[in-house]
């Protein structure tokens, strides 16, 4: 009986380290300056840090605000993907994020009242400055609720219903 017990214990000890898998460290945040499409970064936590936003539990839903974002480049609509600002592996989200594809932007939780369009694009991993969106430069036009925006990265999203970015 003793050899059987020793064999069972040895199998358990061998199996234990395999069953516990640590989460890999996130890669660095990279702002793409290429043409679309642009997917949502898999390691959202690196982009949340790059945007300087707080990490919140994935189910944070306090103080919600929803707005619509439309992005076009060279006359073609760009899909705004699901899970921008979300790191599902680590179960955290930023105070601005997407749940589904299509351009519906959610502001929820602590810090959501001051989030800017520039921070959202950092979470997406796409360059946005006063002249460029991604690789499209020179003809950038941003409107918020139909009004032109002079400094797109600094545009505070809370209180807006619709933002249009055209490059």
Protein backbone atom coordinates (compact mmCIF):
# COMPACT_ATOMS: atom_id res chain seq x y z
CA UNK A 1 0.00 0.00 0.00
CA UNK A 2 2.86 2.37 0.78
CA UNK A 3 4.26 2.38 -2.82
CA UNK A 4 0.77 3.27 -4.14
CA UNK A 5 0.49 6.21 -1.73
CA UNK A 6 3.96 7.41 -2.72
CA UNK A 7 3.02 7.22 -6.42
CA UNK A 8 -0.23 9.15 -5.89
CA UNK A 9 1.55 11.88 -3.91
CA UNK A 10 4.26 12.14 -6.57
CA UNK A 11 1.61 12.57 -9.30
CA UNK A 12 -0.14 15.30 -7.30
CA UNK A 13 3.11 17.18 -6.73
CA UNK A 14 3.96 16.97 -10.43
CA UNK A 15 0.50 18.17 -11.48
CA UNK A 16 0.29 21.13 -9.08
CA UNK A 17 2.83 23.43 -10.76
CA UNK A 18 1.22 22.78 -14.15
CA UNK A 19 -2.24 23.72 -12.87
CA UNK A 20 -1.15 27.16 -11.65
CA UNK A 21 -0.39 29.41 -14.59
CA UNK A 22 0.69 32.97 -13.93
CA UNK A 23 -0.49 35.80 -16.11
CA UNK A 24 2.19 37.12 -18.43
CA UNK A 25 3.38 40.69 -18.01
CA UNK A 26 1.76 42.99 -20.55
CA UNK A 27 3.78 44.18 -23.50
CA UNK A 28 4.46 47.88 -23.91
CA UNK A 29 1.72 50.14 -25.25
CA UNK A 30 2.29 51.09 -28.89
CA UNK A 31 0.39 53.87 -30.67
CA UNK A 32 -0.18 52.78 -34.23
CA UNK A 33 0.39 55.32 -36.98
CA UNK A 34 -0.81 53.01 -39.73
CA UNK A 35 -3.93 52.73 -41.83
CA UNK A 36 -6.97 50.98 -40.31
CA UNK A 37 -8.32 48.52 -39.34
CA UNK A 38 -7.19 48.81 -35.73
CA UNK A 39 -8.13 46.05 -33.33
CA UNK A 40 -8.41 46.51 -29.56
CA UNK A 41 -5.13 45.79 -27.79
CA UNK A 42 -5.10 42.40 -26.06
CA UNK A 43 -3.04 43.64 -23.10
CA UNK A 44 -5.38 46.47 -22.17
CA UNK A 45 -3.62 47.11 -18.86
CA UNK A 46 -0.51 48.48 -20.61
CA UNK A 47 -2.71 50.93 -22.53
CA UNK A 48 -4.65 51.91 -19.40
CA UNK A 49 -1.30 52.75 -17.78
CA UNK A 50 -0.11 54.63 -20.90
CA UNK A 51 -3.29 56.74 -20.86
CA UNK A 52 -2.75 57.53 -17.16
CA UNK A 53 -6.18 56.21 -16.24
CA UNK A 54 -7.14 54.16 -13.19
CA UNK A 55 -7.59 50.40 -13.41
CA UNK A 56 -11.03 49.37 -12.20
CA UNK A 57 -12.62 45.96 -11.69
CA UNK A 58 -14.15 44.64 -14.89
CA UNK A 59 -17.72 44.90 -13.57
CA UNK A 60 -17.49 48.59 -12.54
CA UNK A 61 -20.67 50.26 -13.77
CA UNK A 62 -21.23 53.29 -11.53
CA UNK A 63 -21.98 56.78 -12.86
CA UNK A 64 -22.50 55.68 -16.50
CA UNK A 65 -22.51 57.88 -19.60
CA UNK A 66 -22.71 56.55 -23.17
CA UNK A 67 -21.79 58.37 -26.38
CA UNK A 68 -21.36 57.42 -30.01
CA UNK A 69 -18.05 57.65 -31.84
CA UNK A 70 -17.76 57.52 -35.62
CA UNK A 71 -14.31 57.32 -37.21
CA UNK A 72 -13.70 57.62 -40.95
CA UNK A 73 -10.40 57.49 -42.79
CA UNK A 74 -10.17 58.36 -46.48
CA UNK A 75 -13.97 58.39 -46.68
CA UNK A 76 -14.37 54.87 -45.25
CA UNK A 77 -15.90 54.16 -41.87
CA UNK A 78 -13.54 52.44 -39.42
CA UNK A 79 -15.02 49.86 -37.07
CA UNK A 80 -14.56 50.78 -33.43
CA UNK A 81 -13.93 47.33 -31.91
CA UNK A 82 -15.16 45.78 -28.67
CA UNK A 83 -12.98 45.75 -25.57
CA UNK A 84 -11.03 48.96 -26.05
CA UNK A 85 -9.90 49.91 -22.54
CA UNK A 86 -10.58 46.41 -21.24
CA UNK A 87 -8.11 43.76 -20.16
CA UNK A 88 -10.18 40.60 -19.85
CA UNK A 89 -7.19 38.47 -18.84
CA UNK A 90 -6.57 40.60 -15.76
CA UNK A 91 -10.29 41.50 -15.25
CA UNK A 92 -9.76 45.27 -15.30
CA UNK A 93 -11.14 48.15 -17.32
CA UNK A 94 -10.50 51.85 -17.77
CA UNK A 95 -13.19 54.41 -16.94
CA UNK A 96 -13.75 54.71 -20.72
CA UNK A 97 -14.17 51.56 -22.80
CA UNK A 98 -16.23 49.67 -25.35
CA UNK A 99 -18.34 46.59 -24.72
CA UNK A 100 -19.25 45.73 -28.31
CA UNK A 101 -18.14 46.78 -31.79
CA UNK A 102 -19.90 49.70 -33.39
CA UNK A 103 -18.80 52.94 -31.74
CA UNK A 104 -20.74 52.99 -28.47
CA UNK A 105 -18.30 54.39 -25.89
CA UNK A 106 -18.98 53.78 -22.20
CA UNK A 107 -17.83 56.07 -19.41
CA UNK A 108 -18.17 54.31 -16.06
CA UNK A 109 -16.62 54.39 -12.61
CA UNK A 110 -14.09 56.61 -10.91
CA UNK A 111 -12.43 59.21 -13.14
CA UNK A 112 -14.89 58.96 -16.03
CA UNK A 113 -15.92 62.63 -15.93
CA UNK A 114 -12.51 63.88 -17.09
CA UNK A 115 -11.62 61.33 -19.77
CA UNK A 116 -10.50 62.83 -23.08
CA UNK A 117 -10.67 61.68 -26.69
CA UNK A 118 -6.87 61.46 -26.68
CA UNK A 119 -6.95 59.06 -23.74
CA UNK A 120 -9.55 56.91 -25.50
CA UNK A 121 -7.36 56.69 -28.62
CA UNK A 122 -4.37 55.79 -26.41
CA UNK A 123 -6.45 52.93 -24.97
CA UNK A 124 -7.20 51.89 -28.55
CA UNK A 125 -3.50 52.07 -29.40
CA UNK A 126 -4.06 54.54 -32.25
CA UNK A 127 -2.25 57.85 -32.69
CA UNK A 128 -4.49 60.91 -32.39
CA UNK A 129 -3.08 64.42 -32.41
CA UNK A 130 -4.20 67.75 -33.83
CA UNK A 131 -3.30 66.65 -37.39
CA UNK A 132 -3.47 62.84 -37.52
CA UNK A 133 -5.57 59.81 -36.75
CA UNK A 134 -3.50 56.66 -37.22
CA UNK A 135 -1.61 57.17 -40.48
CA UNK A 136 -4.05 59.71 -41.95
CA UNK A 137 -2.56 63.17 -41.54
CA UNK A 138 -3.31 66.65 -42.77
CA UNK A 139 -7.09 66.62 -43.17
CA UNK A 140 -8.22 65.74 -39.64
CA UNK A 141 -11.66 67.08 -38.71
CA UNK A 142 -13.26 66.33 -35.35
CA UNK A 143 -16.73 67.41 -34.31
CA UNK A 144 -18.50 67.02 -30.97
CA UNK A 145 -22.29 67.17 -31.14
CA UNK A 146 -21.88 68.85 -34.55
CA UNK A 147 -19.44 71.55 -33.39
CA UNK A 148 -15.82 71.68 -34.65
CA UNK A 149 -13.12 70.76 -32.11
CA UNK A 150 -9.89 72.79 -32.17
CA UNK A 151 -7.83 70.43 -29.95
CA UNK A 152 -9.11 66.84 -30.49
CA UNK A 153 -6.87 65.03 -27.97
CA UNK A 154 -8.06 67.34 -25.15
CA UNK A 155 -11.78 66.94 -25.86
CA UNK A 156 -13.52 65.82 -22.64
CA UNK A 157 -16.05 63.10 -23.54
CA UNK A 158 -18.45 63.32 -20.58
CA UNK A 159 -21.62 65.20 -21.53
CA UNK A 160 -21.29 64.59 -25.28
CA UNK A 161 -23.68 62.49 -27.33
CA UNK A 162 -21.73 62.09 -30.58
CA UNK A 163 -18.11 62.54 -31.65
CA UNK A 164 -17.03 62.25 -35.29
CA UNK A 165 -13.36 61.85 -36.24
CA UNK A 166 -12.54 62.12 -39.97
CA UNK A 167 -9.07 61.83 -41.42
